[in-house]
Structure formats: C-alpha cells, structure tokens
Protein backbone atom coordinates (compact mmCIF):
# COMPACT_ATOMS: atom_id res chain seq x y z
CA MET A 1 58.39 -44.12 -20.73
CA ALA A 2 56.12 -46.53 -18.88
CA ALA A 3 57.27 -49.46 -20.99
CA LEU A 4 60.69 -49.26 -19.35
CA ALA A 5 59.38 -49.86 -15.82
CA PRO A 6 60.93 -53.36 -15.57
CA ALA A 7 64.33 -51.88 -16.35
CA ILE A 8 63.96 -49.37 -13.52
CA LEU A 9 63.33 -52.15 -11.05
CA VAL A 10 66.37 -54.10 -12.17
CA LEU A 11 68.68 -51.12 -12.18
CA ALA A 12 67.60 -50.27 -8.66
CA LEU A 13 69.46 -53.43 -7.61
CA VAL A 14 72.69 -52.10 -9.09
CA GLY A 15 72.32 -48.54 -7.83
CA PRO A 16 75.91 -48.23 -6.52
CA ALA A 17 77.28 -48.58 -10.04
CA LEU A 18 75.20 -45.62 -11.18
CA ASP A 19 76.28 -43.58 -8.15
CA ALA A 20 79.83 -43.70 -9.50
CA VAL A 21 78.85 -41.32 -12.30
CA ASP A 22 79.79 -37.75 -11.33
CA ASP A 23 77.34 -34.90 -11.68
CA GLY A 24 79.54 -33.41 -14.39
CA CYS A 25 79.30 -36.51 -16.64
CA VAL A 26 77.04 -36.78 -19.65
CA THR A 27 75.96 -39.74 -21.73
CA THR A 28 77.32 -39.58 -25.26
CA PRO A 29 77.06 -41.89 -28.29
CA THR A 30 80.29 -43.61 -27.15
CA GLY A 31 79.38 -44.01 -23.47
CA ILE A 32 79.54 -41.81 -20.34
CA ASP A 33 81.86 -38.83 -20.84
CA CYS A 34 83.40 -37.34 -17.68
CA THR A 35 85.97 -35.13 -19.41
CA ALA A 36 86.18 -31.43 -18.71
CA GLY A 37 83.07 -29.69 -19.94
CA GLY A 38 81.23 -32.97 -20.42
CA THR A 39 80.51 -32.47 -24.11
CA THR A 40 80.59 -34.80 -27.09
CA THR A 41 82.41 -34.11 -30.33
CA THR A 42 80.78 -36.91 -32.33
CA THR A 43 79.21 -35.41 -35.45
CA VAL A 44 77.38 -36.49 -38.56
CA THR A 45 77.54 -34.71 -41.91
CA ILE A 46 74.18 -33.65 -43.33
CA PRO A 47 73.85 -33.27 -47.12
CA GLY A 48 74.72 -29.68 -47.90
CA GLY A 49 77.88 -29.63 -45.80
CA THR A 50 76.49 -28.94 -42.32
CA SER A 51 78.00 -30.88 -39.41
CA LEU A 52 75.87 -31.36 -36.31
CA PRO A 53 76.58 -33.32 -33.12
CA LEU A 54 74.78 -36.58 -32.37
CA ARG A 55 73.04 -35.10 -29.37
CA TRP A 56 69.49 -36.48 -29.14
CA LEU A 57 68.61 -40.05 -28.13
CA ARG A 58 65.48 -41.30 -29.84
CA VAL A 59 63.46 -44.50 -29.67
CA GLY A 60 62.56 -45.77 -33.12
CA TRP A 61 61.63 -48.98 -34.89
CA HIS A 62 63.67 -51.19 -37.19
CA PRO A 63 62.50 -54.37 -39.00
CA ASP A 64 65.49 -56.35 -37.71
CA ALA A 65 65.48 -55.08 -34.11
CA GLY A 66 61.94 -53.91 -33.33
CA ASP A 67 61.83 -51.03 -30.85
CA CYS A 68 65.38 -49.69 -30.54
CA TRP A 69 67.36 -46.54 -29.77
CA TYR A 70 69.57 -44.38 -31.95
CA TRP A 71 71.32 -41.01 -31.84
CA ALA A 72 70.00 -38.07 -33.85
CA THR A 73 71.30 -34.63 -34.66
CA THR A 74 68.03 -32.81 -34.02
CA PRO A 75 65.07 -33.08 -31.61
CA PRO A 76 62.75 -34.66 -30.67
CA GLY A 77 64.45 -36.99 -28.21
CA LEU A 78 66.38 -36.96 -24.96
CA ASP A 79 68.98 -34.19 -24.94
CA SER A 80 72.27 -35.78 -23.87
CA TRP A 81 73.69 -32.36 -23.07
CA ASP A 82 71.15 -31.98 -20.27
CA SER A 83 72.32 -33.99 -17.23
CA ALA A 84 68.72 -34.26 -16.03
CA ASN A 85 68.19 -36.79 -18.85
CA ASP A 86 71.15 -39.01 -17.94
CA HIS A 87 69.16 -41.53 -15.94
CA GLU A 88 66.46 -42.00 -18.60
CA ILE A 89 69.07 -42.22 -21.36
CA ILE A 90 70.90 -44.96 -19.46
CA LEU A 91 67.66 -46.86 -18.85
CA THR A 92 66.65 -46.61 -22.50
CA ARG A 93 70.01 -47.89 -23.73
CA TRP A 94 69.91 -50.70 -21.17
CA ALA A 95 66.35 -51.83 -21.96
CA LEU A 96 66.41 -51.60 -25.78
CA PRO A 97 68.89 -52.67 -28.46
CA HIS A 98 70.74 -50.19 -30.62
CA CYS A 99 69.07 -49.68 -33.98
CA PRO A 100 71.04 -51.18 -36.88
CA GLY A 101 72.19 -48.78 -39.55
CA THR A 102 73.55 -45.27 -39.55
CA VAL A 103 72.11 -41.99 -38.40
CA THR A 104 71.93 -40.08 -41.67
CA THR A 105 69.19 -38.82 -43.93
CA GLY A 106 69.94 -41.34 -46.66
CA PRO A 107 67.72 -44.25 -47.77
CA GLY A 108 67.72 -47.09 -45.28
CA SER A 109 68.92 -44.92 -42.39
CA VAL A 110 67.43 -45.40 -38.96
CA GLU A 111 66.01 -41.89 -38.76
CA ILE A 112 64.32 -42.05 -42.15
CA HIS A 113 63.21 -45.66 -41.73
CA SER A 114 61.67 -44.92 -38.34
CA ARG A 115 59.84 -41.84 -39.65
CA ALA A 116 58.55 -43.75 -42.68
CA TRP A 117 57.30 -46.56 -40.44
CA GLN A 118 55.49 -44.02 -38.26
CA VAL A 119 53.73 -42.65 -41.34
CA PHE A 120 52.88 -46.16 -42.55
CA ARG A 121 51.32 -47.06 -39.19
CA ALA A 122 49.38 -43.79 -39.15
CA PHE A 123 47.78 -44.40 -42.55
CA PRO A 124 44.02 -45.21 -42.41
CA LEU A 125 44.60 -48.78 -43.57
CA ALA A 126 41.11 -50.07 -44.36
CA ALA A 127 39.91 -53.54 -43.42
CA PRO A 128 38.09 -55.62 -46.04
CA ALA A 129 34.37 -55.03 -46.59
CA PRO A 130 33.45 -58.40 -48.13
CA HIS A 131 30.18 -59.09 -49.93
CA LEU A 132 28.86 -62.65 -50.22
CA ALA A 133 26.48 -64.07 -52.81
CA PRO A 134 24.16 -65.60 -51.82
CA ASP A 135 24.30 -63.04 -49.02
CA GLU A 136 21.93 -64.43 -46.36
CA ALA A 137 22.98 -68.09 -46.54
CA GLY A 138 25.02 -70.31 -48.77
CA ILE A 139 23.85 -73.59 -50.29
CA THR A 140 25.90 -76.78 -50.12
CA GLY A 141 27.14 -77.87 -53.51
CA LEU A 142 26.68 -74.44 -55.05
CA ALA A 143 29.32 -71.74 -55.29
CA THR A 144 29.47 -68.92 -52.80
CA ILE A 145 31.07 -65.84 -54.38
CA LEU A 146 33.03 -63.39 -52.22
CA THR A 147 34.03 -59.97 -53.45
CA ALA A 148 36.20 -57.50 -51.56
CA ALA A 149 37.27 -54.41 -53.46
CA ALA A 150 40.83 -53.37 -52.67
CA PRO A 151 41.25 -49.74 -51.53
CA SER A 152 43.34 -47.31 -53.54
CA ARG A 153 47.04 -46.87 -52.91
CA LEU A 154 47.90 -44.41 -50.13
CA VAL A 155 50.72 -41.90 -50.62
CA HIS A 156 52.36 -39.43 -48.23
CA ASN A 157 54.97 -36.86 -49.31
CA GLU A 158 57.03 -35.03 -46.71
CA ARG A 159 59.67 -32.33 -47.15
CA LEU A 160 62.84 -33.04 -45.12
CA PRO A 161 65.13 -30.41 -43.57
CA ASP A 162 67.80 -31.03 -46.23
CA GLY A 163 65.31 -30.23 -49.00
CA SER A 164 64.71 -33.81 -50.15
CA THR A 165 61.28 -35.44 -50.23
CA LEU A 166 60.32 -38.54 -48.29
CA LYS A 167 57.56 -40.51 -50.04
CA VAL A 168 55.72 -43.24 -48.11
CA THR A 169 53.25 -45.57 -49.83
CA ALA A 170 50.85 -48.28 -48.71
CA THR A 171 49.26 -50.76 -51.10
CA VAL A 172 47.10 -53.85 -50.63
CA ALA A 173 49.51 -56.51 -51.89
CA SER A 174 47.32 -59.56 -51.31
CA VAL A 175 43.97 -60.73 -49.96
CA VAL A 176 43.86 -63.89 -47.84
CA ILE A 177 40.56 -65.75 -47.43
CA ASP A 178 39.90 -68.41 -44.81
CA TRP A 179 36.49 -69.91 -45.59
CA GLY A 180 36.12 -71.32 -42.07
CA ASP A 181 35.55 -74.94 -43.11
CA GLU A 182 39.16 -76.15 -42.69
CA THR A 183 39.83 -76.09 -46.41
CA PRO A 184 43.25 -74.69 -47.43
CA VAL A 185 43.73 -70.95 -47.01
CA PHE A 186 44.98 -69.19 -50.12
CA GLY A 187 46.33 -65.73 -50.75
CA ARG A 188 44.71 -63.94 -53.62
CA SER A 189 45.68 -60.94 -55.67
CA PRO A 190 43.63 -57.82 -54.92
CA GLY A 191 42.23 -57.99 -58.44
CA SER A 192 40.84 -61.50 -58.01
CA ALA A 193 39.01 -60.55 -54.81
CA THR A 194 37.59 -57.47 -56.52
CA ARG A 195 36.22 -59.60 -59.36
CA GLY A 196 34.99 -62.34 -57.04
CA VAL A 197 36.36 -65.56 -55.55
CA GLU A 198 34.29 -68.76 -55.52
CA HIS A 199 34.05 -71.44 -52.86
CA ILE A 200 31.77 -74.49 -52.45
CA TYR A 201 30.68 -75.72 -49.01
CA SER A 202 29.90 -79.41 -48.59
CA ILE A 203 28.36 -79.42 -45.08
CA LYS A 204 25.55 -77.20 -43.81
CA THR A 205 25.62 -75.34 -40.50
CA CYS A 206 22.85 -75.68 -37.92
CA PRO A 207 21.76 -74.35 -34.50
CA PRO A 208 22.52 -76.77 -31.64
CA ALA A 209 18.85 -77.66 -31.07
CA TYR A 210 18.36 -78.58 -34.74
CA ARG A 211 21.60 -80.55 -34.78
CA GLU A 212 20.60 -82.55 -31.71
CA THR A 213 16.87 -83.18 -32.29
CA HIS A 214 16.03 -82.92 -35.99
CA PRO A 215 16.04 -86.12 -38.08
CA ALA A 216 18.46 -84.41 -40.49
CA GLY A 217 20.68 -83.13 -37.67
CA HIS A 218 23.35 -85.66 -38.49
CA ARG A 219 23.92 -83.86 -41.77
CA CYS A 220 25.01 -80.66 -40.00
CA HIS A 221 28.50 -79.56 -39.13
CA PRO A 222 29.21 -81.13 -35.72
CA THR A 223 29.97 -77.82 -33.95
CA LEU A 224 29.40 -74.74 -36.11
CA THR A 225 26.28 -72.61 -36.31
CA ASP A 226 27.98 -70.41 -38.94
CA TYR A 227 31.22 -70.62 -40.87
CA PRO A 228 33.61 -67.83 -39.73
CA ILE A 229 34.89 -66.40 -43.00
CA VAL A 230 38.09 -64.45 -42.33
CA VAL A 231 39.19 -61.97 -44.98
CA THR A 232 42.56 -60.23 -44.55
CA PHE A 233 44.18 -57.38 -46.45
CA HIS A 234 47.99 -57.43 -46.40
CA TRP A 235 49.02 -53.79 -46.68
CA PHE A 236 52.54 -53.45 -48.08
CA GLY A 237 54.53 -50.37 -47.06
CA ALA A 238 57.52 -48.80 -48.76
CA TYR A 239 59.26 -45.44 -48.92
CA SER A 240 61.53 -43.63 -51.32
CA LEU A 241 64.13 -40.93 -50.98
CA ARG A 242 65.61 -39.51 -54.16
CA GLY A 243 63.95 -42.28 -56.19
CA GLU A 244 65.24 -45.33 -54.31
CA TYR A 245 62.51 -47.49 -52.70
CA THR A 246 62.98 -49.34 -49.41
CA THR A 247 60.57 -51.95 -48.05
CA LEU A 248 58.85 -51.27 -44.72
CA GLY A 249 56.97 -54.57 -44.38
CA THR A 250 53.29 -55.42 -44.09
CA ILE A 251 50.39 -54.61 -41.79
CA GLU A 252 47.27 -56.79 -41.73
CA ARG A 253 43.67 -55.65 -41.53
CA THR A 254 41.05 -58.38 -40.99
CA THR A 255 37.27 -58.77 -41.14
CA ILE A 256 35.35 -61.83 -39.90
CA VAL A 257 31.92 -62.62 -41.37
CA PRO A 258 29.69 -65.36 -39.87
CA TYR A 259 28.10 -67.25 -42.78
CA ASP A 260 25.25 -69.72 -42.53
CA VAL A 261 25.16 -72.55 -45.07
CA ASP A 262 21.97 -74.51 -45.80
CA GLU A 263 21.23 -77.44 -48.05
CA VAL A 264 18.57 -78.10 -50.64
CA ILE A 265 17.36 -81.71 -50.96
CA GLY A 266 15.17 -82.89 -53.77
CA VAL A 267 12.05 -84.77 -52.68
CA PRO A 268 10.24 -87.05 -55.13
CA SER A 269 6.75 -85.82 -55.93
CA SER A 270 3.88 -88.11 -55.12
C-alpha cells in the first residue's frame, strides 16, 4: 500500500503507543481486542440466514468519502484474525476515513457500492470522435457543424454469493462542447451531438508570421493558430440490486480537436 507511506512516517514518531499492544491482541471492528483468544464476535447477517464475522478490512470508494476503509465478511482484504496484518490495518484506519453506510449486500451498501464503482471504472468508456464540417477549415460567418455519435449503453451483470444479481450500467448522459473561442460552453444531449451542433466563428486564426507581417494580419485572432475545440462525454454510472437503482456518479472522457478558421472576402471585379 504505497499510498500510505506518509502515514508510516508519522506513526514512526508515536511508536511507543503502538508498542503497548500485546502480541496476543488483534484489531477488530470496534478497536484493538486484547481479551483471551483475541477474537471478534461482531457479525453481520447475510440474506439467507447465514451469520459471518466482520473479519476482513478492505479499502473501497464512496462518493461522500472518497477512498475509505470498511469491514467485510469475506476476502479479499486484510485478515484481522492474522496478527501479522495488525500494523497495516492500523495504518489503513489511521490514514483513511471509515466508509459511510453499512457492510451488507443490500443496495447502497459499502461493499456493493465499491464493487459497482470498480466495474464502472473498468468499463471501456469511449472518448468522443467528433467530425467537423467543413473538416479542413472553418469559414468566418458560416456555420461549422460538429457531430459526435454517442456510444451505446454499457451493461455488466454479476452474480453475487447470495444469489442476487448486481447490474452496473454506464450511459453517455450529456455532451459538452467548448468551441475554443471564449463563447459560452453548453451541455448538449447525446442526441443533439449525434445529429449535429452548429457554431459560427467570427474571427479567423492565423500563423504568427501571417499575423505579424501580412496586411490582413490585424484581422486574425491575436494569439491562436487554431481553435482548440474540446468535446467531452459525461458518462453516467448506476447500479441495481433487486430492481432498485443507485447512482454512482459521472466519469468524463474528452477529445481536443485543433480547428483552423479562415475568412472569405469579396473583392470587386475590375
């Protein structure tokens, strides 16, 4: 657990307090237990009537706490019945907050929420693949049309030990387009981006040499050679257990496209 290195350094300064823990003590969900046998009797009831001890310390993720720890009835995790894990368990509980919620297999529980978030993060969440028309360069005063087809919804179904099914989904909830010219940024529905979104540029972009030496250089954008068009998919995650959906949050995927904009000027014929 390399991320906990700062905690190790700090705890080294308070080493005597840790030395007070006897070899026969174990870390339990309620603290350090030095009673005879060094075991914990804390249990959680699993659907189906089976009672198991809260024995394994896991590091999960919760939308209100971020990375956090919680007790689980089954591995993986740090086995609190093995005294060799005491030091790492203490460090983990010192460095991270306790996950909100309960350790059950019901909707909204820390175990299920953490597993669903792991699946959501593991999904191949595609970034936008925008197409621009005109594609090589835009023209001031004329509409540039951007299309970005939204990917299909992603679904993962997983059978849990109690026989229930965990369903995790990911859907593009919105498309955000920043045209790069300091005009307001707007979120769009996936459907609008698939059909095409229009934008009109008022100032052309130019290479530095053109901007500085050409007679029409003053008509260029003062700094940009291309407009950086930023297109972002907001992937929305959720999971269900026995039909009840719980929100996981959003993950962004972004693509940046440099886009040159020219101008067309009418010249009177002689």
